[in-house]
Amino acid sequence: MSEPRGALGRLARLYTGLEDRLYYELAPAYDAVSWLVSLGHWAKWRRLALDDVAGQRVLEVGFGTGELLIEMARRGLHVCGLDLSPAMHRITARKMARQGVWAPRVRGVAQAMPFAESSFDTLIATFPADFIFDPATLREAACLLTSGGRFIIVDMCLFTGNDFLRRLARAFGVLTEDDLRRYERFAAEAGLRVRVLARKGQGLRVPVIIAERPGAG
């Protein structure tokens, strides 16, 4: 996919650079920026992942500032978190200490997760980075999930026939129909079956993508 050019391309590159920094040196501002760009809906959208959790053993891939990880621990799930950013680990550790909640956390990447085969009933990723479309991530997910386990992804999505809006969506990391088809293909190659549940609103949807490992029999 070619990168957007002109003013749109420059704006997209600026946004991407800022987004990357929010995981590292600007990590303390992540929660505030997320709330602002979502008009206060970020936490509600993130919780959509919890409606389809299967089993008790859950891994959050890219847990960020730890809000969902803490909520899952409070609900009694046997949860673990994976994130590469040291800043996110520090922020999450401070939040857990303040709130009296604990969950194990590991530094690592989604393409090579340091866990044994069939370790989890559910994997969750909310508003993830590009790693989610790496076939290696889906192969890892298929390996780590138990039979009938689920990899649940929540992200923003734009369904439109307007070419400019499609290019704008791609530039700013918003999923399109083409992206979902590509994801379905990669998931099938990893042995996962995909279904998409979506919330609609003025052309924008917050899809809950469920990639499931088929059960035995």
C-alpha atoms as a PDB file:
ATOM      1  CA  MET A   1       0.000   0.000   0.000  1.00  0.00           C
ATOM      2  CA  SER A   2       1.515   3.336  -1.041  1.00  0.00           C
ATOM      3  CA  GLU A   3       1.766   6.117   1.528  1.00  0.00           C
ATOM      4  CA  PRO A   4      -0.458   9.196   1.111  1.00  0.00           C
ATOM      5  CA  ARG A   5       1.217  12.227  -0.411  1.00  0.00           C
ATOM      6  CA  GLY A   6       0.971  15.997  -0.032  1.00  0.00           C
ATOM      7  CA  ALA A   7      -0.648  17.663   2.958  1.00  0.00           C
ATOM      8  CA  LEU A   8      -2.553  14.504   3.882  1.00  0.00           C
ATOM      9  CA  GLY A   9       0.663  12.507   3.922  1.00  0.00           C
ATOM     10  CA  ARG A  10       2.483  15.067   6.066  1.00  0.00           C
ATOM     11  CA  LEU A  11      -0.388  15.211   8.544  1.00  0.00           C
ATOM     12  CA  ALA A  12      -0.558  11.418   8.720  1.00  0.00           C
ATOM     13  CA  ARG A  13       3.191  11.153   9.352  1.00  0.00           C
ATOM     14  CA  LEU A  14       2.936  13.778  12.098  1.00  0.00           C
ATOM     15  CA  TYR A  15       0.086  11.836  13.697  1.00  0.00           C
ATOM     16  CA  THR A  16       1.984   8.539  13.428  1.00  0.00           C
ATOM     17  CA  GLY A  17       5.059  10.074  15.023  1.00  0.00           C
ATOM     18  CA  LEU A  18       2.984  11.436  17.895  1.00  0.00           C
ATOM     19  CA  GLU A  19       1.218   8.093  18.309  1.00  0.00           C
ATOM     20  CA  ASP A  20       4.546   6.260  18.613  1.00  0.00           C
ATOM     21  CA  ARG A  21       5.799   8.750  21.204  1.00  0.00           C
ATOM     22  CA  LEU A  22       2.638   8.245  23.283  1.00  0.00           C
ATOM     23  CA  TYR A  23       3.869   4.715  23.986  1.00  0.00           C
ATOM     24  CA  TYR A  24       7.232   5.919  25.222  1.00  0.00           C
ATOM     25  CA  GLU A  25       8.346   9.409  26.318  1.00  0.00           C
ATOM     26  CA  LEU A  26       4.803  10.861  26.172  1.00  0.00           C
ATOM     27  CA  ALA A  27       3.171   7.834  27.818  1.00  0.00           C
ATOM     28  CA  PRO A  28       1.904   9.841  30.853  1.00  0.00           C
ATOM     29  CA  ALA A  29      -0.347  11.775  28.448  1.00  0.00           C
ATOM     30  CA  TYR A  30      -1.805   8.647  26.800  1.00  0.00           C
ATOM     31  CA  ASP A  31      -5.003   8.419  28.863  1.00  0.00           C
ATOM     32  CA  ALA A  32      -5.803  12.111  28.429  1.00  0.00           C
ATOM     33  CA  VAL A  33      -5.157  12.053  24.676  1.00  0.00           C
ATOM     34  CA  SER A  34      -7.262   8.889  24.245  1.00  0.00           C
ATOM     35  CA  TRP A  35     -10.148  10.472  26.116  1.00  0.00           C
ATOM     36  CA  LEU A  36      -9.877  13.630  24.023  1.00  0.00           C
ATOM     37  CA  VAL A  37      -9.713  12.006  20.567  1.00  0.00           C
ATOM     38  CA  SER A  38     -12.629   9.697  21.417  1.00  0.00           C
ATOM     39  CA  LEU A  39     -14.732  12.488  22.990  1.00  0.00           C
ATOM     40  CA  GLY A  40     -14.763  10.543  26.221  1.00  0.00           C
ATOM     41  CA  HIS A  41     -15.784   7.188  24.716  1.00  0.00           C
ATOM     42  CA  TRP A  42     -12.414   5.385  24.833  1.00  0.00           C
ATOM     43  CA  ALA A  43     -13.072   3.392  28.023  1.00  0.00           C
ATOM     44  CA  LYS A  44     -16.540   2.351  26.829  1.00  0.00           C
ATOM     45  CA  TRP A  45     -15.184   1.191  23.458  1.00  0.00           C
ATOM     46  CA  ARG A  46     -12.350  -0.691  25.147  1.00  0.00           C
ATOM     47  CA  ARG A  47     -14.772  -2.580  27.405  1.00  0.00           C
ATOM     48  CA  LEU A  48     -16.559  -4.014  24.368  1.00  0.00           C
ATOM     49  CA  ALA A  49     -13.842  -6.679  24.344  1.00  0.00           C
ATOM     50  CA  LEU A  50     -15.044  -8.063  27.675  1.00  0.00           C
ATOM     51  CA  ASP A  51     -18.485  -9.085  26.422  1.00  0.00           C
ATOM     52  CA  ASP A  52     -17.053 -12.050  24.494  1.00  0.00           C
ATOM     53  CA  VAL A  53     -14.317 -13.333  26.808  1.00  0.00           C
ATOM     54  CA  ALA A  54     -14.183 -17.134  26.891  1.00  0.00           C
ATOM     55  CA  GLY A  55     -12.820 -18.962  29.946  1.00  0.00           C
ATOM     56  CA  GLN A  56     -10.768 -17.501  32.786  1.00  0.00           C
ATOM     57  CA  ARG A  57      -7.201 -17.334  31.476  1.00  0.00           C
ATOM     58  CA  VAL A  58      -6.801 -14.076  29.567  1.00  0.00           C
ATOM     59  CA  LEU A  59      -3.791 -12.369  27.991  1.00  0.00           C
ATOM     60  CA  GLU A  60      -4.025  -8.685  27.054  1.00  0.00           C
ATOM     61  CA  VAL A  61      -1.680  -7.988  24.151  1.00  0.00           C
ATOM     62  CA  GLY A  62      -0.481  -4.378  24.302  1.00  0.00           C
ATOM     63  CA  PHE A  63      -2.059  -3.410  27.637  1.00  0.00           C
ATOM     64  CA  GLY A  64      -0.971   0.240  27.436  1.00  0.00           C
ATOM     65  CA  THR A  65      -1.668   2.159  30.639  1.00  0.00           C
ATOM     66  CA  GLY A  66      -3.301  -0.885  32.238  1.00  0.00           C
ATOM     67  CA  GLU A  67      -6.906   0.264  32.588  1.00  0.00           C
ATOM     68  CA  LEU A  68      -8.464  -2.855  31.037  1.00  0.00           C
ATOM     69  CA  LEU A  69      -5.909  -5.144  32.691  1.00  0.00           C
ATOM     70  CA  ILE A  70      -6.912  -3.755  36.091  1.00  0.00           C
ATOM     71  CA  GLU A  71     -10.610  -4.095  35.325  1.00  0.00           C
ATOM     72  CA  MET A  72     -10.203  -7.734  34.285  1.00  0.00           C
ATOM     73  CA  ALA A  73      -8.218  -8.498  37.443  1.00  0.00           C
ATOM     74  CA  ARG A  74     -10.988  -6.918  39.526  1.00  0.00           C
ATOM     75  CA  ARG A  75     -13.512  -9.166  37.788  1.00  0.00           C
ATOM     76  CA  GLY A  76     -11.595 -12.215  38.976  1.00  0.00           C
ATOM     77  CA  LEU A  77     -10.123 -13.269  35.637  1.00  0.00           C
ATOM     78  CA  HIS A  78      -6.697 -14.924  35.634  1.00  0.00           C
ATOM     79  CA  VAL A  79      -5.181 -12.185  33.529  1.00  0.00           C
ATOM     80  CA  CYS A  80      -1.684 -11.480  32.258  1.00  0.00           C
ATOM     81  CA  GLY A  81      -0.395  -8.529  30.222  1.00  0.00           C
ATOM     82  CA  LEU A  82       2.129  -8.200  27.414  1.00  0.00           C
ATOM     83  CA  ASP A  83       3.588  -4.871  26.303  1.00  0.00           C
ATOM     84  CA  LEU A  84       6.943  -3.815  24.871  1.00  0.00           C
ATOM     85  CA  SER A  85       6.999  -0.266  26.278  1.00  0.00           C
ATOM     86  CA  PRO A  86       8.854   0.158  29.619  1.00  0.00           C
ATOM     87  CA  ALA A  87       6.907   3.391  30.162  1.00  0.00           C
ATOM     88  CA  MET A  88       3.572   1.577  29.956  1.00  0.00           C
ATOM     89  CA  HIS A  89       4.819  -1.041  32.419  1.00  0.00           C
ATOM     90  CA  ARG A  90       5.802   1.679  34.897  1.00  0.00           C
ATOM     91  CA  ILE A  91       2.471   3.509  34.571  1.00  0.00           C
ATOM     92  CA  THR A  92       0.497   0.276  34.978  1.00  0.00           C
ATOM     93  CA  ALA A  93       2.565  -0.800  37.991  1.00  0.00           C
ATOM     94  CA  ARG A  94       1.877   2.546  39.716  1.00  0.00           C
ATOM     95  CA  LYS A  95      -1.858   2.299  38.998  1.00  0.00           C
ATOM     96  CA  MET A  96      -2.014  -1.243  40.359  1.00  0.00           C
ATOM     97  CA  ALA A  97      -0.128  -0.262  43.506  1.00  0.00           C
ATOM     98  CA  ARG A  98      -2.521   2.647  44.136  1.00  0.00           C
ATOM     99  CA  GLN A  99      -5.604   0.500  43.579  1.00  0.00           C
ATOM    100  CA  GLY A 100      -4.424  -2.618  45.390  1.00  0.00           C
ATOM    101  CA  VAL A 101      -4.649  -4.786  42.284  1.00  0.00           C
ATOM    102  CA  TRP A 102      -1.988  -7.030  40.800  1.00  0.00           C
ATOM    103  CA  ALA A 103      -1.553  -8.980  37.571  1.00  0.00           C
ATOM    104  CA  PRO A 104       1.598 -10.435  36.026  1.00  0.00           C
ATOM    105  CA  ARG A 105       3.060  -8.441  33.141  1.00  0.00           C
ATOM    106  CA  VAL A 106       5.719  -9.342  30.584  1.00  0.00           C
ATOM    107  CA  ARG A 107       7.771  -7.218  28.198  1.00  0.00           C
ATOM    108  CA  GLY A 108       7.623  -8.613  24.695  1.00  0.00           C
ATOM    109  CA  VAL A 109       6.216  -8.402  21.174  1.00  0.00           C
ATOM    110  CA  ALA A 110       3.069  -9.990  19.801  1.00  0.00           C
ATOM    111  CA  GLN A 111       4.989 -11.773  17.047  1.00  0.00           C
ATOM    112  CA  ALA A 112       6.986 -13.821  19.581  1.00  0.00           C
ATOM    113  CA  MET A 113       5.044 -14.117  22.839  1.00  0.00           C
ATOM    114  CA  PRO A 114       6.937 -15.918  25.622  1.00  0.00           C
ATOM    115  CA  PHE A 115       4.225 -18.336  26.740  1.00  0.00           C
ATOM    116  CA  ALA A 116       3.588 -22.044  26.378  1.00  0.00           C
ATOM    117  CA  GLU A 117       1.202 -23.511  23.822  1.00  0.00           C
ATOM    118  CA  SER A 118      -2.487 -23.440  24.830  1.00  0.00           C
ATOM    119  CA  SER A 119      -1.801 -21.117  27.784  1.00  0.00           C
ATOM    120  CA  PHE A 120      -4.882 -18.899  27.383  1.00  0.00           C
ATOM    121  CA  ASP A 121      -8.612 -19.150  26.746  1.00  0.00           C
ATOM    122  CA  THR A 122      -8.786 -15.563  25.423  1.00  0.00           C
ATOM    123  CA  LEU A 123      -6.374 -13.020  24.002  1.00  0.00           C
ATOM    124  CA  ILE A 124      -7.442  -9.352  23.867  1.00  0.00           C
ATOM    125  CA  ALA A 125      -6.042  -6.357  21.979  1.00  0.00           C
ATOM    126  CA  THR A 126      -7.809  -2.983  21.987  1.00  0.00           C
ATOM    127  CA  PHE A 127      -6.915  -0.282  19.466  1.00  0.00           C
ATOM    128  CA  PRO A 128      -3.666  -2.084  18.646  1.00  0.00           C
ATOM    129  CA  ALA A 129      -0.756  -0.944  16.491  1.00  0.00           C
ATOM    130  CA  ASP A 130       0.195  -2.505  13.142  1.00  0.00           C
ATOM    131  CA  PHE A 131       1.432  -5.705  14.794  1.00  0.00           C
ATOM    132  CA  ILE A 132      -2.147  -6.918  14.683  1.00  0.00           C
ATOM    133  CA  PHE A 133      -1.900  -7.425  10.891  1.00  0.00           C
ATOM    134  CA  ASP A 134       1.387  -9.319  11.036  1.00  0.00           C
ATOM    135  CA  PRO A 135       0.735 -12.984  10.137  1.00  0.00           C
ATOM    136  CA  ALA A 136       3.267 -13.909  12.841  1.00  0.00           C
ATOM    137  CA  THR A 137       0.958 -12.380  15.469  1.00  0.00           C
ATOM    138  CA  LEU A 138      -1.938 -14.540  14.344  1.00  0.00           C
ATOM    139  CA  ARG A 139       0.218 -17.666  14.279  1.00  0.00           C
ATOM    140  CA  GLU A 140       1.277 -16.897  17.840  1.00  0.00           C
ATOM    141  CA  ALA A 141      -2.344 -16.363  18.866  1.00  0.00           C
ATOM    142  CA  ALA A 142      -3.401 -19.688  17.352  1.00  0.00           C
ATOM    143  CA  CYS A 143      -0.590 -21.420  19.242  1.00  0.00           C
ATOM    144  CA  LEU A 144      -1.324 -19.807  22.611  1.00  0.00           C
ATOM    145  CA  LEU A 145      -5.097 -20.307  22.539  1.00  0.00           C
ATOM    146  CA  THR A 146      -6.814 -23.361  23.947  1.00  0.00           C
ATOM    147  CA  SER A 147      -9.234 -25.312  21.756  1.00  0.00           C
ATOM    148  CA  GLY A 148     -12.238 -23.026  21.216  1.00  0.00           C
ATOM    149  CA  GLY A 149     -10.256 -20.029  22.489  1.00  0.00           C
ATOM    150  CA  ARG A 150     -10.667 -16.506  21.110  1.00  0.00           C
ATOM    151  CA  PHE A 151      -8.477 -13.614  20.027  1.00  0.00           C
ATOM    152  CA  ILE A 152     -10.637 -10.505  20.510  1.00  0.00           C
ATOM    153  CA  ILE A 153      -9.650  -7.228  18.839  1.00  0.00           C
ATOM    154  CA  VAL A 154     -11.429  -3.892  19.243  1.00  0.00           C
ATOM    155  CA  ASP A 155     -10.517  -1.107  16.808  1.00  0.00           C
ATOM    156  CA  MET A 156     -11.998   1.798  14.878  1.00  0.00           C
ATOM    157  CA  CYS A 157     -13.352   1.080  11.411  1.00  0.00           C
ATOM    158  CA  LEU A 158     -14.648   3.156   8.503  1.00  0.00           C
ATOM    159  CA  PHE A 159     -17.020   1.649   5.946  1.00  0.00           C
ATOM    160  CA  THR A 160     -17.441   3.976   3.000  1.00  0.00           C
ATOM    161  CA  GLY A 161     -17.424   3.990  -0.789  1.00  0.00           C
ATOM    162  CA  ASN A 162     -15.790   7.422  -0.875  1.00  0.00           C
ATOM    163  CA  ASP A 163     -12.203   7.047  -2.121  1.00  0.00           C
ATOM    164  CA  PHE A 164     -10.928  10.138  -0.285  1.00  0.00           C
ATOM    165  CA  LEU A 165     -12.351   8.930   3.038  1.00  0.00           C
ATOM    166  CA  ARG A 166     -10.833   5.498   2.459  1.00  0.00           C
ATOM    167  CA  ARG A 167      -7.403   7.057   1.881  1.00  0.00           C
ATOM    168  CA  LEU A 168      -7.876   9.258   4.928  1.00  0.00           C
ATOM    169  CA  ALA A 169      -8.788   6.211   7.020  1.00  0.00           C
ATOM    170  CA  ARG A 170      -5.691   4.340   5.868  1.00  0.00           C
ATOM    171  CA  ALA A 171      -3.473   7.354   6.542  1.00  0.00           C
ATOM    172  CA  PHE A 172      -4.618   7.580  10.152  1.00  0.00           C
ATOM    173  CA  GLY A 173      -4.705   3.869  10.923  1.00  0.00           C
ATOM    174  CA  VAL A 174      -8.488   3.440  10.848  1.00  0.00           C
ATOM    175  CA  LEU A 175      -9.536   0.003   9.622  1.00  0.00           C
ATOM    176  CA  THR A 176     -11.350  -0.321   6.296  1.00  0.00           C
ATOM    177  CA  GLU A 177     -13.243  -3.186   4.694  1.00  0.00           C
ATOM    178  CA  ASP A 178     -10.083  -4.094   2.777  1.00  0.00           C
ATOM    179  CA  ASP A 179      -8.170  -4.325   6.057  1.00  0.00           C
ATOM    180  CA  LEU A 180     -10.769  -6.662   7.535  1.00  0.00           C
ATOM    181  CA  ARG A 181     -10.640  -8.933   4.500  1.00  0.00           C
ATOM    182  CA  ARG A 182      -6.859  -9.033   4.751  1.00  0.00           C
ATOM    183  CA  TYR A 183      -7.099  -9.875   8.436  1.00  0.00           C
ATOM    184  CA  GLU A 184      -9.572 -12.666   7.718  1.00  0.00           C
ATOM    185  CA  ARG A 185      -7.160 -14.141   5.166  1.00  0.00           C
ATOM    186  CA  PHE A 186      -4.202 -14.067   7.565  1.00  0.00           C
ATOM    187  CA  ALA A 187      -6.337 -15.534  10.354  1.00  0.00           C
ATOM    188  CA  ALA A 188      -7.541 -18.390   8.129  1.00  0.00           C
ATOM    189  CA  GLU A 189      -3.939 -19.188   7.211  1.00  0.00           C
ATOM    190  CA  ALA A 190      -3.189 -19.435  10.950  1.00  0.00           C
ATOM    191  CA  GLY A 191      -6.152 -21.777  11.463  1.00  0.00           C
ATOM    192  CA  LEU A 192      -8.496 -19.219  13.052  1.00  0.00           C
ATOM    193  CA  ARG A 193     -12.098 -18.486  12.109  1.00  0.00           C
ATOM    194  CA  VAL A 194     -13.130 -14.814  12.099  1.00  0.00           C
ATOM    195  CA  ARG A 195     -16.407 -13.086  12.794  1.00  0.00           C
ATOM    196  CA  VAL A 196     -16.996  -9.363  13.205  1.00  0.00           C
ATOM    197  CA  LEU A 197     -19.510  -7.728  15.522  1.00  0.00           C
ATOM    198  CA  ALA A 198     -19.900  -3.998  14.895  1.00  0.00           C
ATOM    199  CA  ARG A 199     -21.449  -0.973  16.575  1.00  0.00           C
ATOM    200  CA  LYS A 200     -22.796   1.478  13.964  1.00  0.00           C
ATOM    201  CA  GLY A 201     -22.989   5.258  13.959  1.00  0.00           C
ATOM    202  CA  GLN A 202     -22.939   7.714  11.029  1.00  0.00           C
ATOM    203  CA  GLY A 203     -20.700   5.519   8.863  1.00  0.00           C
ATOM    204  CA  LEU A 204     -18.239   4.818  11.694  1.00  0.00           C
ATOM    205  CA  ARG A 205     -18.174   1.491  13.473  1.00  0.00           C
ATOM    206  CA  VAL A 206     -16.308   0.088  16.427  1.00  0.00           C
ATOM    207  CA  PRO A 207     -15.914  -3.533  15.363  1.00  0.00           C
ATOM    208  CA  VAL A 208     -15.235  -6.366  17.765  1.00  0.00           C
ATOM    209  CA  ILE A 209     -13.224  -8.848  15.724  1.00  0.00           C
ATOM    210  CA  ILE A 210     -13.206 -12.387  17.086  1.00  0.00           C
ATOM    211  CA  ALA A 211     -10.661 -14.844  15.680  1.00  0.00           C
ATOM    212  CA  GLU A 212     -11.495 -18.239  17.156  1.00  0.00           C
ATOM    213  CA  ARG A 213      -9.478 -21.427  17.306  1.00  0.00           C
ATOM    214  CA  PRO A 214     -11.845 -24.268  16.331  1.00  0.00           C
ATOM    215  CA  GLY A 215     -12.733 -26.653  19.104  1.00  0.00           C
ATOM    216  CA  ALA A 216     -11.942 -30.350  19.067  1.00  0.00           C
ATOM    217  CA  GLY A 217     -14.349 -32.614  17.272  1.00  0.00           C
END
